[in-house]
Protein backbone atom coordinates (compact mmCIF):
# COMPACT_ATOMS: atom_id res chain seq x y z
CA MET A 1 9.13 -5.02 3.89
CA MET A 2 11.82 -6.41 1.57
CA MET A 3 14.38 -3.83 2.62
CA LYS A 4 13.87 -4.72 6.28
CA MET A 5 14.02 -8.43 5.45
CA LEU A 6 17.34 -8.07 3.63
CA ASP A 7 18.78 -5.78 6.30
CA GLU A 8 17.79 -8.22 9.05
CA GLY A 9 19.08 -11.07 6.89
CA GLY A 10 22.58 -9.62 6.93
CA ILE A 11 22.91 -7.15 4.05
CA PRO A 12 23.13 -3.64 5.47
CA ALA A 13 20.72 -1.12 3.98
CA LEU A 14 22.01 2.11 2.51
CA THR A 15 19.57 4.67 3.87
CA ASP A 16 19.64 8.27 4.98
CA GLU A 17 16.69 8.01 7.42
CA ILE A 18 15.28 11.31 6.12
CA ARG A 19 11.81 9.85 5.55
CA THR A 20 10.80 8.36 8.87
CA ALA A 21 8.16 5.81 9.78
CA ASP A 22 4.58 7.06 9.66
CA GLU A 23 1.01 5.78 9.50
CA ASP A 24 1.43 4.65 5.89
CA ASN A 25 4.66 2.77 6.58
CA PRO A 26 5.04 2.13 10.32
CA LYS A 27 8.31 0.21 9.90
CA GLY A 28 10.01 2.97 7.92
CA TYR A 29 10.90 3.64 4.31
CA TYR A 30 14.54 2.56 3.97
CA GLU A 31 15.16 5.24 1.34
CA PHE A 32 18.30 7.02 0.20
CA GLU A 33 17.63 10.41 -1.41
CA PRO A 34 20.65 10.45 -3.80
CA VAL A 35 19.06 7.48 -5.64
CA LYS A 36 16.49 9.87 -7.10
CA LYS A 37 19.23 11.85 -8.89
CA THR A 38 21.34 8.92 -10.09
CA LYS A 39 21.13 10.00 -13.73
CA GLU A 40 22.72 13.38 -12.91
CA ASP A 41 25.03 12.16 -10.15
CA PRO A 42 25.81 8.46 -9.78
CA SER A 43 28.71 9.11 -7.39
CA TRP A 44 26.88 7.30 -4.57
CA VAL A 45 26.86 3.97 -6.46
CA PRO A 46 30.37 2.76 -5.45
CA THR A 47 29.51 3.41 -1.78
CA ALA A 48 26.60 0.97 -2.11
CA VAL A 49 28.73 -2.09 -2.86
CA GLY A 50 27.76 -4.84 -0.41
CA LYS A 51 24.60 -3.00 0.63
CA VAL A 52 20.95 -3.12 -0.32
CA VAL A 53 19.43 0.02 -1.86
CA LYS A 54 15.76 0.71 -2.48
CA MET A 55 14.93 2.04 -5.95
CA VAL A 56 11.77 2.72 -7.88
CA HIS A 57 11.81 0.49 -10.95
CA LEU A 58 12.41 3.27 -13.50
CA LEU A 59 15.55 4.43 -11.69
CA LEU A 60 17.24 1.13 -12.55
CA LEU A 61 17.62 2.58 -16.05
CA ASP A 62 19.88 5.30 -14.64
CA LEU A 63 22.45 3.03 -12.98
CA PRO A 64 25.90 3.26 -14.59
CA LEU A 65 26.90 0.18 -16.54
CA ASP A 66 30.38 0.01 -15.03
CA GLN A 67 29.11 -2.05 -12.08
CA GLN A 68 27.45 -5.40 -11.45
CA TYR A 69 24.02 -5.35 -9.80
CA ARG A 70 21.78 -7.94 -8.22
CA VAL A 71 18.19 -6.77 -8.46
CA VAL A 72 15.37 -8.01 -6.25
CA PHE A 73 12.36 -6.92 -8.28
CA MET A 74 9.30 -6.81 -6.05
CA ARG A 75 6.01 -7.59 -7.77
CA ARG A 76 2.67 -6.72 -6.22
CA HIS A 77 -0.87 -6.62 -7.58
CA LEU A 78 -0.97 -3.25 -9.35
CA ASP A 79 -4.48 -2.55 -8.05
CA GLU A 80 -2.99 -2.70 -4.56
CA VAL A 81 -0.09 -0.44 -5.50
CA ILE A 82 -2.48 2.16 -6.88
CA ARG A 83 -4.82 1.87 -3.88
CA SER A 84 -1.91 2.21 -1.47
CA GLN A 85 -0.61 5.30 -3.27
CA ASN A 86 -4.08 6.86 -3.26
CA VAL A 87 -4.56 6.22 0.47
CA MET A 88 -1.18 7.82 1.19
CA LEU A 89 -2.00 10.83 -1.01
CA GLN A 90 -5.40 11.26 0.65
CA ARG A 91 -3.83 11.14 4.09
CA LYS A 92 -1.40 13.86 3.04
CA GLY A 93 -4.26 15.95 1.61
CA ASP A 94 -3.00 15.63 -1.97
CA ASP A 95 -5.23 15.15 -4.98
CA GLN A 96 -5.26 11.58 -6.29
CA GLY A 97 -4.23 12.88 -9.67
CA PRO A 98 -5.96 13.21 -13.01
CA LEU A 99 -5.49 9.62 -14.19
CA PRO A 100 -8.04 6.89 -13.52
CA PRO A 101 -6.72 3.66 -11.94
CA ASP A 102 -7.04 1.65 -15.19
CA ARG A 103 -4.87 4.17 -17.05
CA LEU A 104 -2.31 4.20 -14.22
CA LYS A 105 -2.20 0.41 -14.37
CA GLN A 106 -1.48 0.52 -18.14
CA ILE A 107 1.33 3.02 -17.54
CA TYR A 108 2.87 0.90 -14.77
CA LEU A 109 2.72 -2.23 -16.93
CA ALA A 110 4.45 -0.45 -19.82
CA GLN A 111 7.13 0.91 -17.47
CA ILE A 112 7.75 -2.50 -15.94
CA LYS A 113 8.09 -4.07 -19.39
CA LYS A 114 10.56 -1.36 -20.41
CA VAL A 115 12.67 -1.97 -17.30
CA GLN A 116 12.57 -5.76 -17.69
CA ASP A 117 13.62 -5.48 -21.33
CA TYR A 118 16.48 -3.16 -20.36
CA LEU A 119 17.69 -5.50 -17.61
CA ALA A 120 17.57 -8.45 -20.02
CA GLU A 121 19.52 -6.45 -22.65
CA HIS A 122 22.17 -5.69 -20.03
CA SER A 123 22.23 -9.05 -18.31
CA ASP A 124 26.03 -8.82 -18.13
CA HIS A 125 25.48 -6.04 -15.53
CA PHE A 126 22.16 -7.05 -13.95
CA LYS A 127 21.23 -10.32 -12.30
CA LEU A 128 17.53 -10.41 -11.50
CA ILE A 129 15.17 -12.24 -9.19
CA GLU A 130 11.47 -11.44 -9.03
CA ILE A 131 9.75 -11.80 -5.69
CA ASN A 132 5.98 -11.54 -5.30
CA TYR A 133 4.98 -9.36 -2.35
CA ASN A 134 1.64 -11.13 -1.94
CA GLU A 135 3.28 -14.56 -1.87
CA VAL A 136 5.80 -13.41 0.74
CA LEU A 137 2.94 -12.36 3.02
CA GLN A 138 1.03 -15.62 2.52
CA ASN A 139 3.98 -18.01 2.76
CA PRO A 140 7.40 -16.34 3.10
CA GLU A 141 9.63 -19.44 3.35
CA PRO A 142 9.95 -20.22 -0.39
CA SER A 143 10.77 -16.60 -1.25
CA VAL A 144 13.29 -16.31 1.58
CA ARG A 145 14.95 -19.52 0.42
CA ARG A 146 15.13 -18.20 -3.18
CA LEU A 147 16.56 -14.90 -1.94
CA ASN A 148 19.24 -16.73 0.02
CA GLU A 149 20.17 -18.76 -3.07
CA PHE A 150 20.34 -15.56 -5.14
CA LEU A 151 22.18 -13.32 -2.64
CA GLY A 152 23.89 -15.88 -0.40
CA ASP A 153 24.63 -16.25 3.30
CA LEU A 154 21.45 -14.67 4.65
CA ASP A 155 19.93 -15.31 8.06
CA GLU A 156 16.66 -16.83 6.90
CA GLN A 157 15.12 -17.01 10.37
CA ARG A 158 15.62 -13.29 10.99
CA MET A 159 14.18 -12.54 7.55
CA LEU A 160 11.11 -14.67 8.25
CA ALA A 161 10.58 -12.94 11.60
CA THR A 162 10.43 -9.61 9.76
CA VAL A 163 7.36 -10.48 7.67
CA ASP A 164 4.33 -8.81 9.27
CA PRO A 165 1.00 -9.65 7.59
CA GLN A 166 -0.68 -7.04 9.85
CA LEU A 167 0.81 -4.37 7.59
CA TYR A 168 -1.00 -5.77 4.54
CA ARG A 169 -3.85 -3.30 4.41
CA ASN A 170 -4.46 -2.17 0.82
CA ARG A 171 -5.55 -5.45 -0.71
CA ALA A 172 -6.81 -5.97 -4.22
CA THR A 173 -10.53 -6.60 -4.50
CA THR A 174 -10.42 -8.04 -8.01
């Protein structure tokens, strides 16, 4: 959702379109495969200047520190993240894995803390804004306004038109 919002808002997305829209993500994935190998080969990073790139939180640790980055850190209820991942794995016929949801949640929380600490330690290279996924779906205007203040010169109306609460399916029950 955020990638589409930023792309529609005026920041082009760096994507390879390898992973196409499907039942789990009907609006597409906005992914760029070289991101996954940034630690071994960061040569793609200079080509991303002025663009928005989707990254899993842990991959932020692999970005070279010779650049300046603005990070939009999406937060979502972890129970929903885990449920969403499990639904996608089930649909693909994959095992849900050996770890119970509570253990996965502990691991995610530790990873997020590690990344946040790293970004704070390297604040001369990383500027950060946290956006809550659930709040965007309930009332997107404040988040869109904050994003525009952080990134600048975005088309807020186009960003707001992108938010689709119909896609909010794996809700937390707790």
